[in-house]
Every structure is written in C-alpha cells, then in structure tokens.
Amino acid sequence: MSALDLTRIIAWLSLVAVLAGAVAPGQWRLKDVLVSAVDHTSSFAVVGAIFILAYPHDRRIAVGVLIVSAVTSEILHLVSGRRDPSVSDALAKILAAAVGVAIGCLMLHLIPGQSAL
C-alpha cells in the first residue's frame, strides 16, 4: 500500500467522521456553542487539506466532494432533528473547506515533484 493510498483512506474516514458528527447525540458534542461551531467548521478545513493531498491530480473532484459534504452535513442536521440546518452554516463549512484546499495546495507545492496548480 502506497502513501497515497493510505492518505486516500484517511481522507474518506475523516470525512465520514465529520458527517457522523452532524448526527451525533447531544451529549457527545461540545457544550460551548461558539467552540462547537468553530470545531465543526474547522474540521472541514482539515478534511479539505487531506483530500487535496489524497487526490493531487483530481482537485476538482475533491472540491466537489467537499461542497456536497458541507451541504449534506446541514441536511443531516434536519434529519437528526437536533438542530435546524442553515445556508450560512453550509457556506461557512464550504469556506473552511476552501481554506483547507488552499493549505493542501501549499503543502503540495512544498513537496518535491508535486504541482500546486
């Protein structure tokens, strides 16, 4: 198994973990609302960076997966009934994923033999 294969597995597992967090019971979540919102949004930045590292030549697909996942996480809030989904939260998650994509591209640029564009 190559390092790229391992990175792809980590990317998908981290995305599943983030989406599972959208439907996790309330007692599993952070109690401070501000910290919880920052935590869940920043997780999309981390997943974004991992996806870019996992799919260095398929960045458009990675970005598409991240956008769909951000919207899906808000829809899962509706399904779980624990919180109302909002467009602003979905946009914040998409923006965080974009920051993660930029960080991932920067990291690729620093790896010899990889192209950041």
N, C-alpha and C. Protein backbone atom coordinates (compact mmCIF):
# COMPACT_ATOMS: atom_id res chain seq x y z
N MET A 1 0.85 -1.17 0.00
CA MET A 1 0.00 0.00 0.00
C MET A 1 0.90 1.24 0.00
N SER A 2 0.63 2.13 -0.92
CA SER A 2 1.44 3.34 -1.03
C SER A 2 0.98 4.42 -0.05
N ALA A 3 1.80 5.43 0.09
CA ALA A 3 1.43 6.56 0.97
C ALA A 3 0.20 7.27 0.43
N LEU A 4 0.05 7.33 -0.90
CA LEU A 4 -1.13 7.97 -1.50
C LEU A 4 -2.39 7.18 -1.17
N ASP A 5 -2.31 5.86 -1.24
CA ASP A 5 -3.46 5.02 -0.89
C ASP A 5 -3.86 5.22 0.57
N LEU A 6 -2.88 5.28 1.44
CA LEU A 6 -3.15 5.50 2.86
C LEU A 6 -3.77 6.87 3.10
N THR A 7 -3.29 7.88 2.39
CA THR A 7 -3.85 9.23 2.51
C THR A 7 -5.30 9.26 2.04
N ARG A 8 -5.60 8.52 0.99
CA ARG A 8 -6.99 8.45 0.49
C ARG A 8 -7.91 7.80 1.51
N ILE A 9 -7.43 6.74 2.14
CA ILE A 9 -8.23 6.09 3.18
C ILE A 9 -8.48 7.05 4.34
N ILE A 10 -7.44 7.75 4.75
CA ILE A 10 -7.57 8.72 5.85
C ILE A 10 -8.54 9.83 5.46
N ALA A 11 -8.48 10.29 4.21
CA ALA A 11 -9.38 11.35 3.75
C ALA A 11 -10.84 10.93 3.86
N TRP A 12 -11.16 9.75 3.37
CA TRP A 12 -12.55 9.29 3.40
C TRP A 12 -13.01 8.99 4.83
N LEU A 13 -12.14 8.41 5.63
CA LEU A 13 -12.51 8.15 7.03
C LEU A 13 -12.74 9.45 7.80
N SER A 14 -11.91 10.45 7.54
CA SER A 14 -12.10 11.73 8.23
C SER A 14 -13.39 12.41 7.77
N LEU A 15 -13.73 12.28 6.51
CA LEU A 15 -14.99 12.85 6.02
C LEU A 15 -16.18 12.14 6.66
N VAL A 16 -16.12 10.83 6.76
CA VAL A 16 -17.20 10.07 7.42
C VAL A 16 -17.32 10.50 8.88
N ALA A 17 -16.19 10.70 9.55
CA ALA A 17 -16.22 11.12 10.96
C ALA A 17 -16.87 12.50 11.10
N VAL A 18 -16.56 13.42 10.20
CA VAL A 18 -17.15 14.76 10.25
C VAL A 18 -18.65 14.68 10.02
N LEU A 19 -19.07 13.89 9.04
CA LEU A 19 -20.51 13.76 8.78
C LEU A 19 -21.22 13.04 9.92
N ALA A 20 -20.56 12.08 10.54
CA ALA A 20 -21.16 11.41 11.70
C ALA A 20 -21.33 12.39 12.85
N GLY A 21 -20.44 13.35 12.95
CA GLY A 21 -20.56 14.37 13.99
C GLY A 21 -21.82 15.22 13.83
N ALA A 22 -22.33 15.29 12.61
CA ALA A 22 -23.55 16.08 12.37
C ALA A 22 -24.78 15.43 12.99
N VAL A 23 -24.75 14.12 13.15
CA VAL A 23 -25.90 13.42 13.72
C VAL A 23 -25.61 12.82 15.09
N ALA A 24 -24.45 13.14 15.64
CA ALA A 24 -24.07 12.59 16.94
C ALA A 24 -25.02 13.11 18.02
N PRO A 25 -25.29 12.29 19.03
CA PRO A 25 -26.14 12.74 20.14
C PRO A 25 -25.56 13.97 20.82
N GLY A 26 -26.43 14.75 21.41
CA GLY A 26 -26.04 15.99 22.05
C GLY A 26 -24.99 15.83 23.14
N GLN A 27 -25.05 14.74 23.90
CA GLN A 27 -24.08 14.57 24.98
C GLN A 27 -22.67 14.29 24.46
N TRP A 28 -22.53 13.96 23.19
CA TRP A 28 -21.21 13.73 22.60
C TRP A 28 -20.59 15.02 22.07
N ARG A 29 -21.37 16.08 22.05
CA ARG A 29 -20.90 17.34 21.46
C ARG A 29 -20.31 18.26 22.53
N LEU A 30 -19.54 19.24 22.06
CA LEU A 30 -19.02 20.25 22.96
C LEU A 30 -20.18 21.11 23.47
N LYS A 31 -20.09 21.53 24.71
CA LYS A 31 -21.19 22.29 25.31
C LYS A 31 -21.20 23.76 24.90
N ASP A 32 -20.04 24.35 24.73
CA ASP A 32 -19.96 25.76 24.35
C ASP A 32 -20.31 25.90 22.87
N VAL A 33 -21.35 26.65 22.55
CA VAL A 33 -21.86 26.77 21.19
C VAL A 33 -20.80 27.35 20.25
N LEU A 34 -20.10 28.40 20.69
CA LEU A 34 -19.09 29.02 19.83
C LEU A 34 -17.96 28.03 19.53
N VAL A 35 -17.49 27.35 20.54
CA VAL A 35 -16.41 26.38 20.34
C VAL A 35 -16.89 25.24 19.45
N SER A 36 -18.11 24.80 19.64
CA SER A 36 -18.67 23.72 18.83
C SER A 36 -18.75 24.13 17.36
N ALA A 37 -19.22 25.35 17.09
CA ALA A 37 -19.35 25.82 15.71
C ALA A 37 -17.98 25.94 15.05
N VAL A 38 -17.02 26.47 15.78
CA VAL A 38 -15.66 26.60 15.25
C VAL A 38 -15.05 25.22 15.03
N ASP A 39 -15.29 24.32 15.95
CA ASP A 39 -14.75 22.98 15.85
C ASP A 39 -15.27 22.26 14.62
N HIS A 40 -16.59 22.31 14.41
CA HIS A 40 -17.16 21.59 13.28
C HIS A 40 -16.78 22.24 11.95
N THR A 41 -16.70 23.57 11.93
CA THR A 41 -16.32 24.26 10.70
C THR A 41 -14.85 24.01 10.39
N SER A 42 -14.00 24.08 11.41
CA SER A 42 -12.56 23.88 11.16
C SER A 42 -12.27 22.45 10.73
N SER A 43 -13.12 21.52 11.11
CA SER A 43 -12.90 20.14 10.67
C SER A 43 -13.00 20.04 9.15
N PHE A 44 -13.81 20.90 8.53
CA PHE A 44 -13.89 20.90 7.07
C PHE A 44 -12.60 21.42 6.45
N ALA A 45 -11.91 22.33 7.13
CA ALA A 45 -10.61 22.80 6.63
C ALA A 45 -9.59 21.67 6.67
N VAL A 46 -9.59 20.91 7.75
CA VAL A 46 -8.65 19.80 7.86
C VAL A 46 -8.96 18.74 6.80
N VAL A 47 -10.23 18.40 6.65
CA VAL A 47 -10.62 17.41 5.64
C VAL A 47 -10.28 17.92 4.24
N GLY A 48 -10.46 19.21 4.00
CA GLY A 48 -10.12 19.79 2.70
C GLY A 48 -8.65 19.61 2.37
N ALA A 49 -7.79 19.89 3.33
CA ALA A 49 -6.35 19.73 3.11
C ALA A 49 -6.00 18.26 2.86
N ILE A 50 -6.61 17.38 3.63
CA ILE A 50 -6.32 15.95 3.46
C ILE A 50 -6.78 15.47 2.08
N PHE A 51 -7.95 15.92 1.64
CA PHE A 51 -8.45 15.50 0.33
C PHE A 51 -7.55 15.98 -0.80
N ILE A 52 -7.01 17.18 -0.69
CA ILE A 52 -6.11 17.66 -1.73
C ILE A 52 -4.82 16.85 -1.74
N LEU A 53 -4.33 16.48 -0.59
CA LEU A 53 -3.15 15.62 -0.53
C LEU A 53 -3.45 14.22 -1.06
N ALA A 54 -4.68 13.76 -0.83
CA ALA A 54 -5.07 12.42 -1.27
C ALA A 54 -5.32 12.35 -2.78
N TYR A 55 -5.80 13.44 -3.35
CA TYR A 55 -6.12 13.48 -4.77
C TYR A 55 -5.43 14.67 -5.43
N PRO A 56 -4.10 14.63 -5.52
CA PRO A 56 -3.37 15.80 -6.03
C PRO A 56 -3.66 16.10 -7.50
N HIS A 57 -4.11 15.13 -8.26
CA HIS A 57 -4.38 15.36 -9.68
C HIS A 57 -5.87 15.45 -9.99
N ASP A 58 -6.71 15.29 -8.98
CA ASP A 58 -8.16 15.35 -9.15
C ASP A 58 -8.75 16.40 -8.22
N ARG A 59 -8.21 17.58 -8.22
CA ARG A 59 -8.63 18.60 -7.27
C ARG A 59 -10.07 19.03 -7.47
N ARG A 60 -10.54 19.08 -8.71
CA ARG A 60 -11.93 19.49 -8.94
C ARG A 60 -12.90 18.49 -8.32
N ILE A 61 -12.58 17.21 -8.43
CA ILE A 61 -13.43 16.19 -7.81
C ILE A 61 -13.39 16.33 -6.30
N ALA A 62 -12.20 16.56 -5.74
CA ALA A 62 -12.07 16.73 -4.29
C ALA A 62 -12.88 17.92 -3.81
N VAL A 63 -12.81 19.03 -4.54
CA VAL A 63 -13.58 20.23 -4.15
C VAL A 63 -15.07 19.94 -4.25
N GLY A 64 -15.49 19.24 -5.29
CA GLY A 64 -16.90 18.89 -5.43
C GLY A 64 -17.38 18.03 -4.27
N VAL A 65 -16.58 17.05 -3.88
CA VAL A 65 -16.93 16.19 -2.73
C VAL A 65 -17.06 17.03 -1.47
N LEU A 66 -16.17 17.98 -1.29
CA LEU A 66 -16.20 18.82 -0.09
C LEU A 66 -17.45 19.71 -0.05
N ILE A 67 -17.82 20.27 -1.19
CA ILE A 67 -19.01 21.12 -1.24
C ILE A 67 -20.26 20.30 -0.96
N VAL A 68 -20.36 19.15 -1.61
CA VAL A 68 -21.52 18.28 -1.38
C VAL A 68 -21.57 17.83 0.08
N SER A 69 -20.42 17.55 0.66
CA SER A 69 -20.37 17.12 2.06
C SER A 69 -20.79 18.22 3.02
N ALA A 70 -20.41 19.45 2.73
CA ALA A 70 -20.82 20.57 3.59
C ALA A 70 -22.34 20.73 3.57
N VAL A 71 -22.92 20.64 2.40
CA VAL A 71 -24.38 20.74 2.29
C VAL A 71 -25.04 19.53 2.94
N THR A 72 -24.46 18.36 2.72
CA THR A 72 -25.01 17.13 3.31
C THR A 72 -24.99 17.19 4.83
N SER A 73 -23.94 17.77 5.40
CA SER A 73 -23.87 17.85 6.87
C SER A 73 -25.01 18.71 7.41
N GLU A 74 -25.38 19.74 6.69
CA GLU A 74 -26.52 20.56 7.13
C GLU A 74 -27.84 19.81 6.95
N ILE A 75 -27.97 19.05 5.90
CA ILE A 75 -29.18 18.25 5.69
C ILE A 75 -29.29 17.18 6.78
N LEU A 76 -28.16 16.62 7.19
CA LEU A 76 -28.18 15.63 8.27
C LEU A 76 -28.67 16.23 9.58
N HIS A 77 -28.42 17.53 9.79
CA HIS A 77 -28.97 18.19 10.97
C HIS A 77 -30.50 18.16 10.94
N LEU A 78 -31.05 18.34 9.76
CA LEU A 78 -32.51 18.30 9.61
C LEU A 78 -33.03 16.90 9.90
N VAL A 79 -32.35 15.90 9.38
CA VAL A 79 -32.76 14.51 9.57
C VAL A 79 -32.67 14.12 11.05
N SER A 80 -31.59 14.54 11.71
CA SER A 80 -31.41 14.16 13.12
C SER A 80 -32.37 14.90 14.04
N GLY A 81 -32.87 16.06 13.61
CA GLY A 81 -33.80 16.82 14.41
C GLY A 81 -33.18 17.54 15.59
N ARG A 82 -31.88 17.55 15.69
CA ARG A 82 -31.21 18.18 16.82
C ARG A 82 -30.96 19.67 16.60
N ARG A 83 -30.89 20.07 15.36
CA ARG A 83 -30.57 21.47 15.06
C ARG A 83 -31.15 21.79 13.69
N ASP A 84 -31.52 23.03 13.50
CA ASP A 84 -32.03 23.44 12.20
C ASP A 84 -30.87 23.72 11.26
N PRO A 85 -30.96 23.20 10.03
CA PRO A 85 -29.90 23.50 9.07
C PRO A 85 -29.97 24.95 8.62
N SER A 86 -28.84 25.51 8.23
CA SER A 86 -28.86 26.88 7.73
C SER A 86 -27.90 27.03 6.56
N VAL A 87 -28.27 27.90 5.66
CA VAL A 87 -27.44 28.17 4.49
C VAL A 87 -26.13 28.80 4.93
N SER A 88 -26.19 29.68 5.93
CA SER A 88 -24.96 30.34 6.39
C SER A 88 -23.97 29.34 6.98
N ASP A 89 -24.46 28.32 7.68
CA ASP A 89 -23.56 27.30 8.21
C ASP A 89 -22.94 26.48 7.08
N ALA A 90 -23.74 26.15 6.07
CA ALA A 90 -23.21 25.42 4.92
C ALA A 90 -22.15 26.25 4.21
N LEU A 91 -22.40 27.54 4.05
CA LEU A 91 -21.42 28.40 3.39
C LEU A 91 -20.14 28.53 4.22
N ALA A 92 -20.29 28.59 5.54
CA ALA A 92 -19.11 28.65 6.41
C ALA A 92 -18.28 27.38 6.27
N LYS A 93 -18.93 26.24 6.17
CA LYS A 93 -18.22 24.98 6.01
C LYS A 93 -17.53 24.91 4.64
N ILE A 94 -18.21 25.42 3.61
CA ILE A 94 -17.61 25.45 2.28
C ILE A 94 -16.39 26.37 2.28
N LEU A 95 -16.50 27.52 2.93
CA LEU A 95 -15.37 28.44 3.03
C LEU A 95 -14.21 27.80 3.79
N ALA A 96 -14.51 27.10 4.87
CA ALA A 96 -13.47 26.40 5.63
C ALA A 96 -12.81 25.33 4.77
N ALA A 97 -13.62 24.60 3.99
CA ALA A 97 -13.05 23.60 3.09
C ALA A 97 -12.14 24.25 2.05
N ALA A 98 -12.53 25.44 1.57
CA ALA A 98 -11.70 26.16 0.60
C ALA A 98 -10.36 26.56 1.22
N VAL A 99 -10.39 26.97 2.47
CA VAL A 99 -9.14 27.29 3.18
C VAL A 99 -8.28 26.02 3.28
N GLY A 100 -8.92 24.90 3.59
CA GLY A 100 -8.19 23.63 3.65
C GLY A 100 -7.61 23.24 2.30
N VAL A 101 -8.35 23.49 1.23
CA VAL A 101 -7.85 23.21 -0.12
C VAL A 101 -6.61 24.07 -0.40
N ALA A 102 -6.67 25.34 -0.03
CA ALA A 102 -5.51 26.22 -0.23
C ALA A 102 -4.30 25.73 0.57
N ILE A 103 -4.54 25.31 1.80
CA ILE A 103 -3.45 24.78 2.62
C ILE A 103 -2.89 23.50 2.00
N GLY A 104 -3.77 22.64 1.53
CA GLY A 104 -3.33 21.41 0.87
C GLY A 104 -2.51 21.70 -0.38
N CYS A 105 -2.93 22.69 -1.17
CA CYS A 105 -2.16 23.07 -2.37
C CYS A 105 -0.79 23.61 -1.98
N LEU A 106 -0.75 24.40 -0.92
CA LEU A 106 0.54 24.92 -0.44
C LEU A 106 1.43 23.77 0.02
N MET A 107 0.86 22.81 0.70
CA MET A 107 1.63 21.65 1.14
C MET A 107 2.15 20.86 -0.06
N LEU A 108 1.33 20.71 -1.09
CA LEU A 108 1.78 20.01 -2.30
C LEU A 108 2.91 20.77 -2.98
N HIS A 109 2.82 22.09 -2.94
CA HIS A 109 3.88 22.91 -3.54
C HIS A 109 5.21 22.69 -2.82
N LEU A 110 5.15 22.41 -1.54
CA LEU A 110 6.37 22.21 -0.76
C LEU A 110 6.94 20.80 -0.90
N ILE A 111 6.15 19.88 -1.44
CA ILE A 111 6.61 18.51 -1.65
C ILE A 111 7.32 18.44 -3.00
N PRO A 112 8.57 18.04 -3.03
CA PRO A 112 9.28 17.96 -4.31
C PRO A 112 8.59 17.03 -5.30
N GLY A 113 8.47 17.47 -6.54
CA GLY A 113 7.86 16.66 -7.59
C GLY A 113 6.35 16.80 -7.71
N GLN A 114 5.72 17.60 -6.87
CA GLN A 114 4.28 17.82 -6.93
C GLN A 114 4.02 19.22 -7.46
N SER A 115 2.90 19.36 -8.15
CA SER A 115 2.50 20.67 -8.67
C SER A 115 1.34 21.21 -7.82
N ALA A 116 1.40 22.47 -7.48
CA ALA A 116 0.34 23.06 -6.67
C ALA A 116 -0.78 23.63 -7.52
N LEU A 117 -0.62 23.69 -8.83
CA LEU A 117 -1.66 24.25 -9.69
C LEU A 117 -2.24 23.22 -10.61
